[in-house]
Structure formats: structure tokens, C-alpha cells
Amino acid sequence: MIAIKDNNKEKIGSIYYDKRDKRWRCIYYIYDQNTYNEIRKTKSFSTEQEAKEFLTSIQYQKGNNSFIKNNGIPLNQLMRENVEKKLELNLIGERTYNRILKTIKQIEKAPVTKENIIDITSNDIQNYFNTLKDYSTSTIKKITEQFSQAFELAINKGYLFRNPMRDVIKPKSTKDKKVVRALEIEEQQALTDYLTSIPISQEPYKVAYLIEMYLGLRIGEVLALRSTDINLQKNLLLVNKTLTRDKNDKVIMGKATKTYAGIREVPIPSFIRNDIINQMKLAENNKDKQLFLDTNGNYVRPTTANDKLKALLKRLGIENISSHSLRHTYGTRCIEAGMRAVALQRLMGHTDVSVTMNTYTTVFNKYKEAELEKVNDYYINNAIISSTQHVLLEDNTDLEKNNSIFQKKLQDLTKMIEDFSTKCLISIEEYKENIDFLQELQTYFDNEEKGEFER
């Protein structure tokens, strides 16, 4: 038995091995938060080291006023205090606040979250986390974030000495990843024909759907648009805000876009220009010249626009499409037309080009072979290689299987360009241009193999 004496209260904490249960037990004393009297408690552990660390933390905490005051705080209360403080300090917006509260309410279904933080062990948390495998990856991430933040807060404030999250492993979701489907070209044609042929009076959100599908805006960004955001002279649409929700789940006008990169100007396609003008005319008498309002003159809930779109698509025989699919359709068509990822990133309002690559990796892979063929054509047209010399694969339907072959061919091509430079067959400028381009392709393949473009 290992005993540690508390000199202040003359109470002794002890550690012993329970042969019957094959567990290590720790007898310890904590202060009652109301009377400050010491109460004897017992806690079990898998290893002697865990029991020692826990008893040491108790002795440390007894001299800590913050701990004396807060050792009885339940975990869910700490989570709620954390999110309230973040909202108060303007570290999060009301929509994020509302989302986090929903996550906490979901967490509170587990009994462990009602226990005092001092009584919660790594095993308690791990046992709860093990029940999350059937949830989506996104939900698991949100839940683990709340646990981590709550215990980090407890450590920082001196409520705890040891963080039980240190030994916890986040589970991997068994749920299939939900993939946002883009419209096929024929489906897009059918939807476009319908929307451009029907008056706004019969389809109130037709222009909203066209803007999503042909300018790539998020539904919240579309429904936040005002006539003043549209410059017909320059044929540009300014995206600078989005609809969001307050902490009471009421739809409100946000002060900015979803991300700082979301502020952008997007060209208006000529074939929907007149539809946008007609929508602007209808909005003349709306408050702030808001383009889209519901029948009561309030902001349109994005879910309302989405539900009406699904009903519309059902009539057209198109399934598994949401309003976000229209934005995804825009991105897909841009890539198919040959647009570079960096340009698409700016049009879509992504914070980083990697987000664009992650989102549209399947489409980029589809056109990988075509891009490699451009390399062949480039060197043939510049007489670097003969037309009968195939440096890169011309017919490759199984890109995943032959990725290593692509890598080898790129290496061969790089060496060939270096040889040409050494023999002065090409200029230094040409050499640098070619090497830079090949390195760009090499980086793409490397990142793809590491899974950095998977989502």
C-alpha cells in the first residue's frame, strides 16, 4: 500500500491492488464544495501508474482554491460555460454557438457527461467514444472537440491536474461518407430549360437556383443578395454576406460571408442576365432591396429553398440533388472546361486551394490523363521529342492502378529535359519553364498518393 499524508487536514490517501476485481484502487479525500469538509471517496484504475498520478493530482489540488471551489462541477456544465464565454467574447458567432449547443445536448444523453470532472477517467470517456462509431465523421469530430476543450479548460483553470483525454483514442466512423452529387450535363440542361422558361410568379426561387448553378454561390449567399450587390454595367455580382442563424435559431443577415475568402466578385453569364434583372425589378419595394423574401416579407430559410428545389427536381425526374449540388455542379463544369484549381478557388470562395482540390478530386482525376496528354503535345509541338515517341501514357482508364507508371514517366521526362539543357539543345528559360511544370505535376501525384486530396 502506498500512502500519502495531507499535512493540512491530516487525511491519508492510499493506493492498493484489489485481487478480486484485478483493479488498482485509490482512496482519496475531496472537499465538499458547500461545507469544505473532506469526504472519503474511492476510484479504480487499470494500472498502478494511473492510480499514483491521480492521487498526486488530488494532493496538488487540495491546496488550489480553484479546485476547492469547482471540484464538483459536472462535465456538461463546463462545456456550456465554455461556449457561453466564447460567445460573450465574440470568439464565435451565434450560428456557431447554436450548433455547439446542439452538439452538447447530444453529448448530454450520455450519463458520463453529468458526472463531476474529478470522477471521470480516460476509460469512462473511451467507453462513451466507442459508442460513436455509427455516427458520421463530422459528428464524431464535433463531439471530441467539446470533450477536449472542456478538459483543457479544466486544466488551465486548475480544476484538474491530469487531463483524462490524453489516453483517449477518437473512433473512426463506420458510416458511409455522404457525397454531394453534381448534376449530369443532361440533367443540368433539363433544369435550366425549365427554369428559364417559367415565370418567377410560378417559381419564386428560380433565379436563386440559376445563380447557384451558374455562379457557384452557396444558398445562404444567394438568399442574402440585394439589388445593390449587382453591378450590371460591369456585369458582376458581389458576394459579401450570407444568411445565418442567431442563438435562437432565427434566420438573420450575417455581417460577412462564411469565410473571409468568401468575399468575391463573380461574373454574370449573359444567358441569365435578364432573369436577374427581372428579379431586381421585383425587389424594388423590398426592404434593403432584398432579392429574395418569403411570402411574409421575411428572410428565406435556406431549408425552404432546398425543399422546394427537391420537389421541383422530383417533377423533372432528377434524384439525389440538393441546393448545394447546384454549387457543386458549377465547380464541376468549370473543371471540365479546363479551369485551373486556383482560379476556381477564388470564384467559389474557398479559403485555400486545397479545399478546392479536396472537394473536386474525383473530377480532377478524371481529367488527369488529358492533362498528361497536353505534356506530350507540348514537347512534340516544340520538337523536343518525335511524334512517335510516347513519353506519357496515352490510353489509361485505370488511373489508380497506373499511378506509379505516371510517376516513372515523369521522372524520365525530367531527366530528358535536364539532358537537353546540358547539351544546350534548349535555353535556360525553356528548361526552367519545363521543370517547373513537371514539378507541379509531380507534387500533385505525391499529394494524391498521401491522400491529401481525399475527402
Protein backbone atom coordinates (compact mmCIF):
# COMPACT_ATOMS: atom_id res chain seq x y z
CA MET A 1 0.00 0.00 0.00
CA ILE A 2 1.21 3.48 -0.88
CA ALA A 3 0.02 6.20 1.49
CA ILE A 4 0.29 9.95 1.10
CA LYS A 5 -0.45 12.19 4.06
CA ASP A 6 -2.16 15.53 3.72
CA ASN A 7 -0.43 17.80 6.25
CA ASN A 8 -3.27 20.34 6.24
CA LYS A 9 -6.13 18.02 7.19
CA GLU A 10 -4.21 15.01 8.44
CA LYS A 11 -6.10 12.86 5.93
CA ILE A 12 -4.34 10.00 4.18
CA GLY A 13 -4.85 8.91 0.60
CA SER A 14 -3.93 5.34 -0.30
CA ILE A 15 -3.43 3.04 -3.25
CA TYR A 16 -3.90 -0.72 -3.22
CA TYR A 17 -4.47 -3.62 -5.61
CA ASP A 18 -7.85 -5.36 -5.49
CA LYS A 19 -7.13 -9.00 -6.30
CA ARG A 20 -10.78 -9.88 -6.68
CA ASP A 21 -11.51 -7.31 -9.40
CA LYS A 22 -7.91 -7.15 -10.64
CA ARG A 23 -8.02 -3.36 -10.48
CA TRP A 24 -5.99 -0.72 -8.67
CA ARG A 25 -7.96 1.28 -6.11
CA CYS A 26 -7.28 4.77 -4.84
CA ILE A 27 -8.84 6.01 -1.59
CA TYR A 28 -8.79 9.80 -1.51
CA TYR A 29 -10.46 12.77 0.10
CA ILE A 30 -12.01 15.82 -1.51
CA TYR A 31 -13.61 18.94 -0.13
CA ASP A 32 -17.37 19.32 -0.16
CA GLN A 33 -18.00 22.46 -2.22
CA ASN A 34 -20.56 23.76 0.29
CA THR A 35 -19.12 22.83 3.70
CA TYR A 36 -15.43 22.40 2.72
CA ASN A 37 -15.46 19.23 4.85
CA GLU A 38 -13.46 16.33 3.46
CA ILE A 39 -15.31 13.38 2.01
CA ARG A 40 -13.75 9.96 1.52
CA LYS A 41 -14.07 8.53 -1.99
CA THR A 42 -12.72 5.52 -3.90
CA LYS A 43 -11.73 5.30 -7.55
CA SER A 44 -10.47 2.34 -9.60
CA PHE A 45 -7.79 2.22 -12.30
CA SER A 46 -6.33 -0.26 -14.76
CA THR A 47 -2.69 0.41 -13.79
CA GLU A 48 -0.76 1.40 -10.69
CA GLN A 49 0.75 4.38 -12.54
CA GLU A 50 -2.71 5.82 -13.27
CA ALA A 51 -3.67 5.47 -9.62
CA LYS A 52 -0.45 7.19 -8.49
CA GLU A 53 -0.92 10.08 -10.89
CA PHE A 54 -4.49 10.54 -9.74
CA LEU A 55 -3.59 10.58 -6.04
CA THR A 56 -0.76 13.02 -6.71
CA SER A 57 -3.18 15.30 -8.55
CA ILE A 58 -5.58 15.20 -5.58
CA GLN A 59 -2.85 16.28 -3.18
CA TYR A 60 -1.89 19.11 -5.53
CA GLN A 61 -5.47 20.22 -5.96
CA LYS A 62 -6.22 20.41 -2.23
CA GLY A 63 -4.05 23.48 -1.98
CA ASN A 64 -5.65 25.03 -5.07
CA ASN A 65 -8.56 27.38 -4.34
CA SER A 66 -9.96 26.97 -7.85
CA PHE A 67 -10.16 23.23 -7.36
CA ILE A 68 -11.68 23.51 -3.89
CA LYS A 69 -14.42 25.68 -5.36
CA ASN A 70 -15.00 23.70 -8.57
CA ASN A 71 -14.21 20.04 -7.96
CA GLY A 72 -17.91 19.31 -8.00
CA ILE A 73 -18.55 20.78 -11.46
CA PRO A 74 -20.19 18.36 -13.92
CA LEU A 75 -18.58 17.96 -17.34
CA ASN A 76 -21.60 19.18 -19.31
CA GLN A 77 -21.79 22.32 -17.16
CA LEU A 78 -18.16 23.05 -18.01
CA MET A 79 -18.94 22.57 -21.71
CA ARG A 80 -21.85 25.00 -21.51
CA GLU A 81 -19.82 27.58 -19.59
CA ASN A 82 -17.09 27.32 -22.22
CA VAL A 83 -19.40 28.02 -25.18
CA GLU A 84 -21.18 30.85 -23.33
CA LYS A 85 -17.84 32.51 -22.63
CA LYS A 86 -16.77 32.21 -26.27
CA LEU A 87 -19.99 33.89 -27.41
CA GLU A 88 -19.57 36.63 -24.82
CA LEU A 89 -16.01 37.32 -26.02
CA ASN A 90 -17.14 37.32 -29.68
CA LEU A 91 -14.89 34.36 -30.44
CA ILE A 92 -17.79 32.60 -32.13
CA GLY A 93 -20.94 33.80 -33.88
CA GLU A 94 -24.48 32.99 -32.88
CA ARG A 95 -24.85 30.32 -35.56
CA THR A 96 -21.74 28.51 -34.31
CA TYR A 97 -22.98 28.94 -30.75
CA ASN A 98 -26.28 27.33 -31.70
CA ARG A 99 -24.52 24.46 -33.48
CA ILE A 100 -22.25 23.77 -30.48
CA LEU A 101 -25.22 23.79 -28.11
CA LYS A 102 -26.90 21.14 -30.27
CA THR A 103 -23.74 19.04 -30.03
CA ILE A 104 -23.64 19.46 -26.24
CA LYS A 105 -27.31 18.44 -25.97
CA GLN A 106 -26.47 15.31 -27.93
CA ILE A 107 -23.50 14.62 -25.64
CA GLU A 108 -25.67 15.07 -22.55
CA LYS A 109 -27.59 11.92 -23.45
CA ALA A 110 -24.56 10.03 -22.11
CA PRO A 111 -24.56 9.64 -18.28
CA VAL A 112 -20.80 10.24 -18.09
CA THR A 113 -21.25 13.91 -19.00
CA LYS A 114 -23.36 14.52 -15.86
CA GLU A 115 -20.57 13.27 -13.61
CA ASN A 116 -18.14 15.58 -11.85
CA ILE A 117 -14.97 16.16 -13.85
CA ILE A 118 -12.82 14.87 -10.99
CA ASP A 119 -14.56 11.49 -11.21
CA ILE A 120 -14.29 10.96 -14.96
CA THR A 121 -11.49 8.65 -16.13
CA SER A 122 -9.97 8.01 -19.53
CA ASN A 123 -11.79 4.66 -19.60
CA ASP A 124 -15.12 6.38 -18.97
CA ILE A 125 -14.56 8.68 -21.93
CA GLN A 126 -13.21 5.91 -24.15
CA ASN A 127 -16.23 3.72 -23.41
CA TYR A 128 -18.50 6.55 -24.48
CA PHE A 129 -16.44 7.29 -27.59
CA ASN A 130 -16.63 3.62 -28.57
CA THR A 131 -20.40 4.06 -28.95
CA LEU A 132 -19.94 6.80 -31.56
CA LYS A 133 -18.67 4.65 -34.43
CA ASP A 134 -22.04 4.64 -36.18
CA TYR A 135 -22.14 8.44 -36.29
CA SER A 136 -20.73 10.47 -39.18
CA THR A 137 -17.10 11.62 -39.18
CA SER A 138 -18.30 15.20 -38.78
CA THR A 139 -20.41 14.38 -35.69
CA ILE A 140 -17.57 12.43 -34.06
CA LYS A 141 -15.24 15.37 -34.65
CA LYS A 142 -17.68 17.85 -33.09
CA ILE A 143 -18.18 15.66 -30.01
CA THR A 144 -14.47 15.04 -29.42
CA GLU A 145 -13.78 18.77 -29.79
CA GLN A 146 -16.17 19.55 -26.94
CA PHE A 147 -14.56 16.97 -24.67
CA SER A 148 -11.05 18.21 -25.47
CA GLN A 149 -11.93 21.86 -24.96
CA ALA A 150 -13.74 21.20 -21.67
CA PHE A 151 -10.85 19.28 -20.12
CA GLU A 152 -8.26 21.73 -21.43
CA LEU A 153 -10.27 24.48 -19.75
CA ALA A 154 -10.35 22.46 -16.52
CA ILE A 155 -6.57 22.06 -16.62
CA ASN A 156 -5.95 25.73 -17.43
CA LYS A 157 -8.17 26.87 -14.56
CA GLY A 158 -6.59 24.46 -12.10
CA TYR A 159 -9.69 22.31 -11.66
CA LEU A 160 -7.71 19.24 -12.72
CA PHE A 161 -4.08 18.25 -12.62
CA ARG A 162 -4.18 15.48 -15.23
CA ASN A 163 -6.12 15.53 -18.50
CA PRO A 164 -8.03 12.23 -18.96
CA MET A 165 -8.32 12.93 -22.70
CA ARG A 166 -4.61 12.22 -23.03
CA ASP A 167 -5.16 8.47 -23.33
CA VAL A 168 -8.40 8.55 -25.30
CA ILE A 169 -8.49 7.48 -28.97
CA LYS A 170 -11.04 9.05 -31.30
CA PRO A 171 -13.04 6.34 -33.12
CA LYS A 172 -13.31 6.09 -36.88
CA SER A 173 -16.78 6.34 -38.36
CA THR A 174 -18.26 3.24 -39.96
CA LYS A 175 -20.86 5.35 -41.72
CA ASP A 176 -20.53 5.78 -45.46
CA LYS A 177 -19.35 9.24 -46.44
CA LYS A 178 -22.12 11.35 -47.90
CA VAL A 179 -21.13 12.53 -51.36
CA VAL A 180 -22.65 15.64 -52.87
CA ARG A 181 -23.59 14.77 -56.43
CA ALA A 182 -23.27 17.24 -59.28
CA LEU A 183 -25.90 17.34 -61.97
CA GLU A 184 -25.11 15.38 -65.11
CA ILE A 185 -25.00 17.56 -68.22
CA GLU A 186 -28.37 16.26 -69.45
CA GLU A 187 -29.91 16.92 -66.03
CA GLN A 188 -28.47 20.42 -65.95
CA GLN A 189 -29.89 21.09 -69.40
CA ALA A 190 -33.34 19.91 -68.32
CA LEU A 191 -33.33 22.02 -65.16
CA THR A 192 -32.01 25.09 -66.99
CA ASP A 193 -34.63 24.78 -69.73
CA TYR A 194 -37.37 24.57 -67.12
CA LEU A 195 -36.14 27.50 -65.01
CA THR A 196 -35.58 29.84 -67.94
CA SER A 197 -39.00 29.07 -69.42
CA ILE A 198 -41.17 29.58 -66.33
CA PRO A 199 -42.07 32.98 -64.81
CA ILE A 200 -40.91 33.97 -61.32
CA SER A 201 -44.53 34.13 -60.18
CA GLN A 202 -44.78 30.35 -60.63
CA GLU A 203 -41.27 29.50 -59.36
CA PRO A 204 -40.28 32.19 -56.79
CA TYR A 205 -36.71 30.88 -56.30
CA LYS A 206 -35.90 30.14 -59.94
CA VAL A 207 -33.29 32.93 -60.11
CA ALA A 208 -31.76 31.74 -56.84
CA TYR A 209 -31.26 28.29 -58.34
CA LEU A 210 -29.81 29.73 -61.55
CA ILE A 211 -27.33 31.86 -59.57
CA GLU A 212 -26.23 28.82 -57.57
CA MET A 213 -25.84 26.68 -60.68
CA TYR A 214 -24.11 29.24 -62.91
CA LEU A 215 -22.24 31.49 -60.45
CA GLY A 216 -21.35 28.92 -57.79
CA LEU A 217 -22.74 30.73 -54.73
CA ARG A 218 -23.77 28.99 -51.52
CA ILE A 219 -27.53 29.05 -50.89
CA GLY A 220 -27.07 31.34 -47.87
CA GLU A 221 -25.06 33.75 -50.01
CA VAL A 222 -27.74 33.76 -52.73
CA LEU A 223 -30.60 34.43 -50.31
CA ALA A 224 -28.62 37.30 -48.76
CA LEU A 225 -28.26 39.17 -52.07
CA ARG A 226 -29.61 42.68 -52.59
CA SER A 227 -30.04 44.64 -55.81
CA THR A 228 -27.17 46.86 -54.66
CA ASP A 229 -24.83 43.84 -54.84
CA ILE A 230 -25.28 43.61 -58.60
CA ASN A 231 -23.29 45.80 -60.99
CA LEU A 232 -24.99 45.49 -64.38
CA GLN A 233 -22.55 47.90 -66.00
CA LYS A 234 -19.58 45.67 -65.20
CA ASN A 235 -21.71 42.53 -65.28
CA LEU A 236 -20.51 41.47 -61.83
CA LEU A 237 -22.22 40.13 -58.73
CA LEU A 238 -20.66 41.00 -55.35
CA VAL A 239 -20.77 38.35 -52.63
CA ASN A 240 -20.13 39.95 -49.24
CA LYS A 241 -22.55 38.40 -46.75
CA THR A 242 -24.67 35.34 -46.04
CA LEU A 243 -27.83 34.45 -44.19
CA THR A 244 -27.13 32.79 -40.86
CA ARG A 245 -28.97 31.96 -37.63
CA ASP A 246 -28.90 33.51 -34.19
CA LYS A 247 -28.69 31.55 -30.94
CA ASN A 248 -32.48 31.13 -31.01
CA ASP A 249 -32.29 29.52 -34.47
CA LYS A 250 -33.89 32.54 -36.15
CA VAL A 251 -32.68 33.37 -39.68
CA ILE A 252 -30.78 36.67 -39.68
CA MET A 253 -28.49 38.59 -42.03
CA GLY A 254 -24.87 37.79 -41.29
CA LYS A 255 -22.25 40.51 -41.13
CA ALA A 256 -19.93 38.68 -43.52
CA THR A 257 -19.58 35.57 -45.67
CA LYS A 258 -18.96 32.09 -44.29
CA THR A 259 -15.18 32.65 -44.55
CA TYR A 260 -13.02 35.70 -45.26
CA ALA A 261 -12.26 34.25 -48.71
CA GLY A 262 -15.98 34.21 -49.44
CA ILE A 263 -15.98 37.94 -50.24
CA ARG A 264 -15.63 37.99 -54.01
CA GLU A 265 -16.94 39.30 -57.33
CA VAL A 266 -18.36 36.77 -59.78
CA PRO A 267 -19.09 37.39 -63.48
CA ILE A 268 -22.75 37.11 -64.52
CA PRO A 269 -23.37 34.78 -67.51
CA SER A 270 -25.17 36.61 -70.27
CA PHE A 271 -27.94 34.00 -70.65
CA ILE A 272 -29.28 34.58 -67.10
CA ARG A 273 -28.70 38.34 -67.02
CA ASN A 274 -32.32 39.16 -67.94
CA ASP A 275 -33.63 36.80 -65.25
CA ILE A 276 -31.53 38.61 -62.66
CA ILE A 277 -32.77 41.99 -63.93
CA ASN A 278 -36.37 40.82 -63.58
CA GLN A 279 -35.67 39.69 -60.00
CA MET A 280 -34.16 43.12 -59.25
CA LYS A 281 -37.30 44.82 -60.54
CA LEU A 282 -39.48 42.72 -58.23
CA ALA A 283 -37.20 43.63 -55.30
CA GLU A 284 -37.51 47.41 -55.78
CA ASN A 285 -40.03 47.76 -52.95
CA ASN A 286 -38.45 45.16 -50.66
CA LYS A 287 -36.65 46.27 -47.53
CA ASP A 288 -32.99 46.95 -48.39
CA LYS A 289 -33.94 45.82 -51.93
CA GLN A 290 -33.57 42.24 -50.79
CA LEU A 291 -33.78 39.99 -53.86
CA PHE A 292 -35.46 37.08 -52.12
CA LEU A 293 -38.06 37.22 -49.32
CA ASP A 294 -40.74 34.76 -48.25
CA THR A 295 -44.47 35.46 -48.53
CA ASN A 296 -44.41 37.18 -45.13
CA GLY A 297 -41.62 39.54 -46.14
CA ASN A 298 -39.01 37.73 -44.04
CA TYR A 299 -35.64 36.27 -45.00
CA VAL A 300 -35.99 32.93 -46.78
CA ARG A 301 -34.83 29.95 -44.75
CA PRO A 302 -32.26 28.00 -46.83
CA THR A 303 -34.10 24.80 -45.91
CA THR A 304 -37.25 26.20 -47.51
CA ALA A 305 -35.46 26.89 -50.80
CA ASN A 306 -33.89 23.43 -50.64
CA ASP A 307 -37.21 21.67 -50.03
CA LYS A 308 -38.86 23.47 -52.94
CA LEU A 309 -35.92 22.56 -55.19
CA LYS A 310 -36.25 18.88 -54.32
CA ALA A 311 -39.95 18.97 -55.14
CA LEU A 312 -39.17 20.68 -58.46
CA LEU A 313 -36.48 18.12 -59.35
CA LYS A 314 -38.80 15.26 -58.48
CA ARG A 315 -41.22 16.53 -61.12
CA LEU A 316 -38.33 16.54 -63.60
CA GLY A 317 -37.29 13.02 -62.62
CA ILE A 318 -33.96 14.11 -61.07
CA GLU A 319 -32.98 12.50 -57.73
CA ASN A 320 -30.32 12.84 -55.02
CA ILE A 321 -29.77 16.55 -55.62
CA SER A 322 -29.87 19.37 -53.06
CA SER A 323 -29.39 23.10 -53.45
CA HIS A 324 -25.70 22.65 -52.56
CA SER A 325 -25.48 20.25 -55.50
CA LEU A 326 -26.12 23.22 -57.79
CA ARG A 327 -22.98 24.95 -56.48
CA HIS A 328 -21.12 21.66 -56.86
CA THR A 329 -22.37 21.45 -60.45
CA TYR A 330 -20.85 24.86 -61.17
CA GLY A 331 -17.46 23.76 -59.83
CA THR A 332 -17.58 20.51 -61.78
CA ARG A 333 -18.40 22.23 -65.09
CA CYS A 334 -15.58 24.75 -64.53
CA ILE A 335 -13.03 21.95 -64.13
CA GLU A 336 -14.39 20.08 -67.13
CA ALA A 337 -13.95 23.28 -69.15
CA GLY A 338 -10.25 23.31 -68.20
CA MET A 339 -10.25 25.93 -65.42
CA ARG A 340 -7.26 25.77 -63.08
CA ALA A 341 -7.87 24.99 -59.40
CA VAL A 342 -6.52 28.36 -58.22
CA ALA A 343 -8.98 30.28 -60.40
CA LEU A 344 -11.86 28.07 -59.28
CA GLN A 345 -10.84 28.56 -55.65
CA ARG A 346 -11.36 32.31 -55.95
CA LEU A 347 -14.67 32.00 -57.76
CA MET A 348 -16.01 29.51 -55.22
CA GLY A 349 -14.76 31.49 -52.21
CA HIS A 350 -12.69 28.64 -50.73
CA THR A 351 -10.18 29.64 -48.06
CA ASP A 352 -7.40 27.60 -49.66
CA VAL A 353 -6.79 25.83 -52.95
CA SER A 354 -6.51 22.53 -51.05
CA VAL A 355 -10.21 22.83 -50.18
CA THR A 356 -10.96 23.07 -53.90
CA MET A 357 -8.73 20.08 -54.67
CA ASN A 358 -10.28 18.03 -51.83
CA THR A 359 -13.82 18.82 -52.93
CA TYR A 360 -13.31 18.11 -56.63
CA THR A 361 -10.59 15.46 -56.51
CA THR A 362 -12.75 12.94 -58.46
CA VAL A 363 -13.26 15.43 -61.28
CA PHE A 364 -9.57 16.38 -61.33
CA ASN A 365 -8.62 12.69 -61.50
CA LYS A 366 -11.00 12.21 -64.40
CA TYR A 367 -9.06 14.77 -66.40
CA LYS A 368 -5.59 13.76 -65.23
CA GLU A 369 -4.93 11.74 -68.39
CA ALA A 370 -5.98 14.66 -70.60
CA GLU A 371 -3.59 16.94 -68.73
CA LEU A 372 -0.74 14.47 -69.21
CA GLU A 373 -1.54 14.28 -72.89
CA LYS A 374 -1.02 18.06 -73.03
CA VAL A 375 2.54 17.42 -71.84
CA ASN A 376 3.11 15.03 -74.76
CA ASP A 377 1.66 17.54 -77.22
CA TYR A 378 3.76 20.35 -75.78
CA TYR A 379 7.04 18.52 -76.31
CA ILE A 380 6.05 17.23 -79.74
CA ASN A 381 4.98 20.71 -80.90
CA ASN A 382 8.26 22.15 -79.67
CA ALA A 383 10.27 19.38 -81.39
CA ILE A 384 11.70 18.21 -78.09
CA ILE A 385 10.56 14.67 -78.83
CA SER A 386 9.38 12.99 -82.01
CA SER A 387 5.71 12.36 -82.68
CA THR A 388 6.32 8.60 -82.46
CA GLN A 389 7.93 8.81 -79.01
CA HIS A 390 5.32 8.41 -76.29
CA VAL A 391 6.72 9.73 -73.04
CA LEU A 392 3.47 9.53 -71.09
CA LEU A 393 0.61 7.05 -71.30
CA GLU A 394 -1.99 7.84 -73.94
CA ASP A 395 -4.67 5.33 -73.03
CA ASN A 396 -5.12 4.71 -69.35
CA THR A 397 -8.55 4.02 -67.98
CA ASP A 398 -7.34 2.67 -64.63
CA LEU A 399 -5.59 5.76 -63.24
CA GLU A 400 -5.28 4.41 -59.71
CA LYS A 401 -3.57 1.23 -60.91
CA ASN A 402 -1.12 3.01 -63.18
CA ASN A 403 -0.24 5.95 -60.93
CA SER A 404 3.24 4.51 -60.34
CA ILE A 405 3.76 4.34 -64.10
CA PHE A 406 2.88 8.03 -64.37
CA GLN A 407 5.43 8.75 -61.68
CA LYS A 408 8.15 6.82 -63.54
CA LYS A 409 7.37 8.57 -66.83
CA LEU A 410 7.52 11.97 -65.18
CA GLN A 411 10.92 11.15 -63.76
CA ASP A 412 12.13 10.01 -67.20
CA LEU A 413 10.82 13.20 -68.76
CA THR A 414 12.55 15.34 -66.13
CA LYS A 415 15.86 13.60 -66.80
CA MET A 416 15.42 14.06 -70.56
CA ILE A 417 14.86 17.83 -70.15
CA GLU A 418 17.95 18.06 -67.94
CA ASP A 419 19.98 16.26 -70.64
CA PHE A 420 18.70 18.69 -73.31
CA SER A 421 19.78 21.61 -71.14
CA THR A 422 23.22 20.11 -70.56
CA LYS A 423 23.67 19.66 -74.31
CA CYS A 424 22.39 23.24 -74.90
CA LEU A 425 19.51 21.97 -77.02
CA ILE A 426 17.08 24.25 -75.15
CA SER A 427 17.55 27.63 -73.48
CA ILE A 428 17.77 28.13 -69.71
CA GLU A 429 14.34 29.84 -69.78
CA GLU A 430 12.78 26.87 -71.58
CA TYR A 431 14.48 24.49 -69.18
CA LYS A 432 13.14 26.33 -66.12
CA GLU A 433 9.63 26.57 -67.55
CA ASN A 434 9.53 22.84 -68.30
CA ILE A 435 10.99 21.79 -64.98
CA ASP A 436 8.56 23.99 -63.06
CA PHE A 437 5.63 22.46 -64.90
CA LEU A 438 6.84 18.90 -64.30
CA GLN A 439 7.40 19.62 -60.60
CA GLU A 440 3.84 20.89 -60.39
CA LEU A 441 2.58 17.58 -61.79
CA GLN A 442 4.91 15.64 -59.50
CA THR A 443 3.59 17.49 -56.45
CA TYR A 444 0.03 16.69 -57.48
CA PHE A 445 0.79 12.96 -57.75
CA ASP A 446 2.69 12.94 -54.45
CA ASN A 447 -0.16 14.60 -52.59
CA GLU A 448 -2.68 12.25 -54.15
CA GLU A 449 -0.71 9.19 -53.04
CA LYS A 450 -0.55 10.56 -49.47
CA GLY A 451 -4.32 11.01 -49.50
CA GLU A 452 -4.12 14.78 -49.10
CA PHE A 453 -6.71 15.25 -51.82
CA GLU A 454 -9.20 12.79 -50.39
CA ARG A 455 -12.29 13.96 -48.60
